[in-house]
C-alpha atoms as a PDB file:
ATOM      1  CA  MET A   1       0.000   0.000   0.000  1.00  0.00           C
ATOM      2  CA  GLY A   2       1.319   3.471  -0.850  1.00  0.00           C
ATOM      3  CA  LEU A   3       1.258   6.745   0.993  1.00  0.00           C
ATOM      4  CA  LEU A   4      -2.371   7.575   0.204  1.00  0.00           C
ATOM      5  CA  GLY A   5      -3.518   4.086   1.134  1.00  0.00           C
ATOM      6  CA  ASP A   6      -1.651   4.312   4.448  1.00  0.00           C
ATOM      7  CA  LEU A   7      -3.228   7.652   5.306  1.00  0.00           C
ATOM      8  CA  LEU A   8      -6.732   7.082   4.041  1.00  0.00           C
ATOM      9  CA  GLY A   9      -7.410   3.385   4.525  1.00  0.00           C
ATOM     10  CA  ALA A  10     -10.939   2.775   3.288  1.00  0.00           C
ATOM     11  CA  ALA A  11     -12.170   6.268   4.137  1.00  0.00           C
ATOM     12  CA  PRO A  12     -15.238   7.099   2.040  1.00  0.00           C
ATOM     13  CA  GLY A  13     -15.924  10.458   0.476  1.00  0.00           C
ATOM     14  CA  SER A  14     -14.281  12.931  -1.811  1.00  0.00           C
ATOM     15  CA  LEU A  15     -10.507  13.234  -1.850  1.00  0.00           C
ATOM     16  CA  LEU A  16      -8.579  16.353  -2.821  1.00  0.00           C
ATOM     17  CA  LEU A  17      -4.824  16.315  -3.401  1.00  0.00           C
ATOM     18  CA  VAL A  18      -3.122  19.704  -3.137  1.00  0.00           C
ATOM     19  CA  SER A  19       0.316  20.083  -4.750  1.00  0.00           C
ATOM     20  CA  PRO A  20       0.985  16.336  -4.814  1.00  0.00           C
ATOM     21  CA  PRO A  21       4.382  14.954  -5.823  1.00  0.00           C
ATOM     22  CA  ASP A  22       4.685  12.598  -8.789  1.00  0.00           C
ATOM     23  CA  THR A  23       4.619   9.495  -6.563  1.00  0.00           C
ATOM     24  CA  ALA A  24       1.243  10.515  -5.110  1.00  0.00           C
ATOM     25  CA  LEU A  25      -0.110  11.286  -8.588  1.00  0.00           C
ATOM     26  CA  ALA A  26       0.900   7.812  -9.769  1.00  0.00           C
ATOM     27  CA  GLU A  27      -0.830   6.214  -6.799  1.00  0.00           C
ATOM     28  CA  ALA A  28      -3.921   8.408  -7.228  1.00  0.00           C
ATOM     29  CA  ALA A  29      -4.333   7.163 -10.800  1.00  0.00           C
ATOM     30  CA  GLY A  30      -5.266   3.752  -9.398  1.00  0.00           C
ATOM     31  CA  LEU A  31      -7.841   5.014  -6.887  1.00  0.00           C
ATOM     32  CA  LYS A  32     -11.567   4.687  -7.458  1.00  0.00           C
ATOM     33  CA  PRO A  33     -13.167   7.159  -7.440  1.00  0.00           C
ATOM     34  CA  ARG A  34     -10.296   9.268  -8.675  1.00  0.00           C
ATOM     35  CA  PRO A  35      -9.372  12.182  -6.436  1.00  0.00           C
ATOM     36  CA  SER A  36      -9.494  15.819  -7.439  1.00  0.00           C
ATOM     37  CA  ILE A  37      -6.077  17.404  -7.869  1.00  0.00           C
ATOM     38  CA  VAL A  38      -5.186  21.094  -7.603  1.00  0.00           C
ATOM     39  CA  SER A  39      -1.871  22.888  -7.792  1.00  0.00           C
ATOM     40  CA  GLY A  40      -2.285  25.015  -4.668  1.00  0.00           C
ATOM     41  CA  MET A  41      -4.428  25.952  -1.719  1.00  0.00           C
ATOM     42  CA  ARG A  42      -5.877  28.968  -3.577  1.00  0.00           C
ATOM     43  CA  THR A  43      -7.789  26.715  -5.981  1.00  0.00           C
ATOM     44  CA  ALA A  44      -8.759  24.038  -3.447  1.00  0.00           C
ATOM     45  CA  GLU A  45     -12.416  23.296  -2.751  1.00  0.00           C
ATOM     46  CA  PRO A  46     -14.005  21.590   0.271  1.00  0.00           C
ATOM     47  CA  ALA A  47     -13.641  17.795   0.299  1.00  0.00           C
ATOM     48  CA  ALA A  48     -14.143  15.005   2.816  1.00  0.00           C
ATOM     49  CA  CYS A  49     -10.375  14.502   2.890  1.00  0.00           C
ATOM     50  CA  ILE A  50      -7.631  16.880   1.822  1.00  0.00           C
ATOM     51  CA  VAL A  51      -3.993  15.836   1.503  1.00  0.00           C
ATOM     52  CA  TRP A  52      -1.628  18.802   1.135  1.00  0.00           C
ATOM     53  CA  TRP A  53       2.095  18.791   0.342  1.00  0.00           C
ATOM     54  CA  PRO A  54       3.026  22.415   1.090  1.00  0.00           C
ATOM     55  CA  GLU A  55       6.339  23.983   0.250  1.00  0.00           C
ATOM     56  CA  ALA A  56       7.953  26.308   2.797  1.00  0.00           C
ATOM     57  CA  GLU A  57       6.573  29.423   1.095  1.00  0.00           C
ATOM     58  CA  ASP A  58       3.047  27.904   1.131  1.00  0.00           C
ATOM     59  CA  LEU A  59       2.774  27.956   4.929  1.00  0.00           C
ATOM     60  CA  THR A  60       1.372  31.474   5.033  1.00  0.00           C
ATOM     61  CA  GLU A  61      -1.381  32.954   7.149  1.00  0.00           C
ATOM     62  CA  VAL A  62      -3.611  33.175   4.073  1.00  0.00           C
ATOM     63  CA  ALA A  63      -3.065  29.545   3.015  1.00  0.00           C
ATOM     64  CA  LEU A  64      -3.640  28.246   6.541  1.00  0.00           C
ATOM     65  CA  ALA A  65      -6.802  30.346   6.878  1.00  0.00           C
ATOM     66  CA  ARG A  66      -7.967  28.846   3.569  1.00  0.00           C
ATOM     67  CA  LEU A  67      -7.300  25.331   4.896  1.00  0.00           C
ATOM     68  CA  ARG A  68      -9.279  26.144   8.047  1.00  0.00           C
ATOM     69  CA  TRP A  69     -12.175  27.430   5.907  1.00  0.00           C
ATOM     70  CA  LEU A  70     -12.093  24.307   3.726  1.00  0.00           C
ATOM     71  CA  LEU A  71     -12.279  22.048   6.775  1.00  0.00           C
ATOM     72  CA  GLU A  72     -15.064  24.075   8.376  1.00  0.00           C
ATOM     73  CA  ASN A  73     -17.128  23.877   5.204  1.00  0.00           C
ATOM     74  CA  SER A  74     -16.547  20.205   4.488  1.00  0.00           C
ATOM     75  CA  ARG A  75     -16.531  18.912   8.065  1.00  0.00           C
ATOM     76  CA  GLY A  76     -13.731  16.707   6.806  1.00  0.00           C
ATOM     77  CA  LEU A  77     -10.136  16.064   7.647  1.00  0.00           C
ATOM     78  CA  ALA A  78      -6.800  17.093   6.230  1.00  0.00           C
ATOM     79  CA  TRP A  79      -3.361  15.552   6.168  1.00  0.00           C
ATOM     80  CA  VAL A  80      -0.498  18.051   5.871  1.00  0.00           C
ATOM     81  CA  ILE A  81       2.616  16.271   4.606  1.00  0.00           C
ATOM     82  CA  ILE A  82       5.852  17.898   5.703  1.00  0.00           C
ATOM     83  CA  ASP A  83       9.382  17.005   4.714  1.00  0.00           C
ATOM     84  CA  PRO A  84      12.277  18.955   6.262  1.00  0.00           C
ATOM     85  CA  ALA A  85      14.565  17.439   3.599  1.00  0.00           C
ATOM     86  CA  GLU A  86      12.569  19.485   1.065  1.00  0.00           C
ATOM     87  CA  GLY A  87      13.138  22.755   2.934  1.00  0.00           C
ATOM     88  CA  LEU A  88      10.131  22.667   5.251  1.00  0.00           C
ATOM     89  CA  PRO A  89      10.420  23.355   8.969  1.00  0.00           C
ATOM     90  CA  ALA A  90      10.315  20.440  11.428  1.00  0.00           C
ATOM     91  CA  ALA A  91       6.965  18.979  12.509  1.00  0.00           C
ATOM     92  CA  ALA A  92       7.000  20.874  15.825  1.00  0.00           C
ATOM     93  CA  GLN A  93       7.355  24.239  14.068  1.00  0.00           C
ATOM     94  CA  VAL A  94       4.650  23.447  11.496  1.00  0.00           C
ATOM     95  CA  THR A  95       2.367  22.324  14.346  1.00  0.00           C
ATOM     96  CA  GLU A  96       2.882  25.744  15.965  1.00  0.00           C
ATOM     97  CA  GLN A  97       2.065  27.493  12.676  1.00  0.00           C
ATOM     98  CA  LEU A  98      -1.095  25.410  12.309  1.00  0.00           C
ATOM     99  CA  ALA A  99      -2.131  26.140  15.908  1.00  0.00           C
ATOM    100  CA  SER A 100      -1.673  29.887  15.385  1.00  0.00           C
ATOM    101  CA  ALA A 101      -4.150  29.569  12.485  1.00  0.00           C
ATOM    102  CA  GLY A 102      -6.686  27.735  14.659  1.00  0.00           C
ATOM    103  CA  LEU A 103      -5.796  24.281  13.319  1.00  0.00           C
ATOM    104  CA  THR A 104      -4.824  21.669  15.882  1.00  0.00           C
ATOM    105  CA  PRO A 105      -3.209  18.485  14.625  1.00  0.00           C
ATOM    106  CA  ALA A 106      -4.972  15.456  16.127  1.00  0.00           C
ATOM    107  CA  GLU A 107      -2.385  12.929  14.975  1.00  0.00           C
ATOM    108  CA  GLN A 108       1.205  12.856  13.790  1.00  0.00           C
ATOM    109  CA  LYS A 109       2.362   9.952  11.642  1.00  0.00           C
ATOM    110  CA  SER A 110       5.889   9.224  10.449  1.00  0.00           C
ATOM    111  CA  LEU A 111       5.906   8.262   6.782  1.00  0.00           C
ATOM    112  CA  GLY A 112       9.486   7.094   6.552  1.00  0.00           C
ATOM    113  CA  GLY A 113      12.503   9.065   5.540  1.00  0.00           C
ATOM    114  CA  SER A 114      12.061  12.604   6.783  1.00  0.00           C
ATOM    115  CA  GLN A 115       8.342  12.886   5.917  1.00  0.00           C
ATOM    116  CA  THR A 116       5.705  13.384   8.577  1.00  0.00           C
ATOM    117  CA  ALA A 117       1.934  13.637   8.152  1.00  0.00           C
ATOM    118  CA  LEU A 118      -0.118  15.839  10.460  1.00  0.00           C
ATOM    119  CA  ARG A 119      -3.867  15.063  10.607  1.00  0.00           C
ATOM    120  CA  ILE A 120      -6.271  17.901  11.294  1.00  0.00           C
ATOM    121  CA  GLY A 121      -9.920  17.187  12.036  1.00  0.00           C
ATOM    122  CA  GLY A 122     -11.890  14.026  11.386  1.00  0.00           C
ATOM    123  CA  ASP A 123     -12.672  11.114  13.669  1.00  0.00           C
ATOM    124  CA  LYS A 124     -10.067   8.726  12.273  1.00  0.00           C
END
């Protein structure tokens, strides 16, 4: 099972991938129903589950407020995938940024290598 399978399991509902890397796109091609894919938080729409691979410059007040709005309007959950090897801050610093935007991670999951997934919302 790949990254998306590990995070989502058999979770029903709409799936939105925001700025996914090529490996996630390849895995998404085999999912049914196929997820929606957008290039950034500005074009994202509410979905039952959002998986976001932000870059360091994406972790702005505006983008985090948009994520909060998306979650409030979908009553869903989001996974924020961070990778310090790709120039992102460590999980603790991103958690602080999320908290300052009113988003509290409910779960932190190591994905191997330097990647960490932070879950916001949902009952999972």
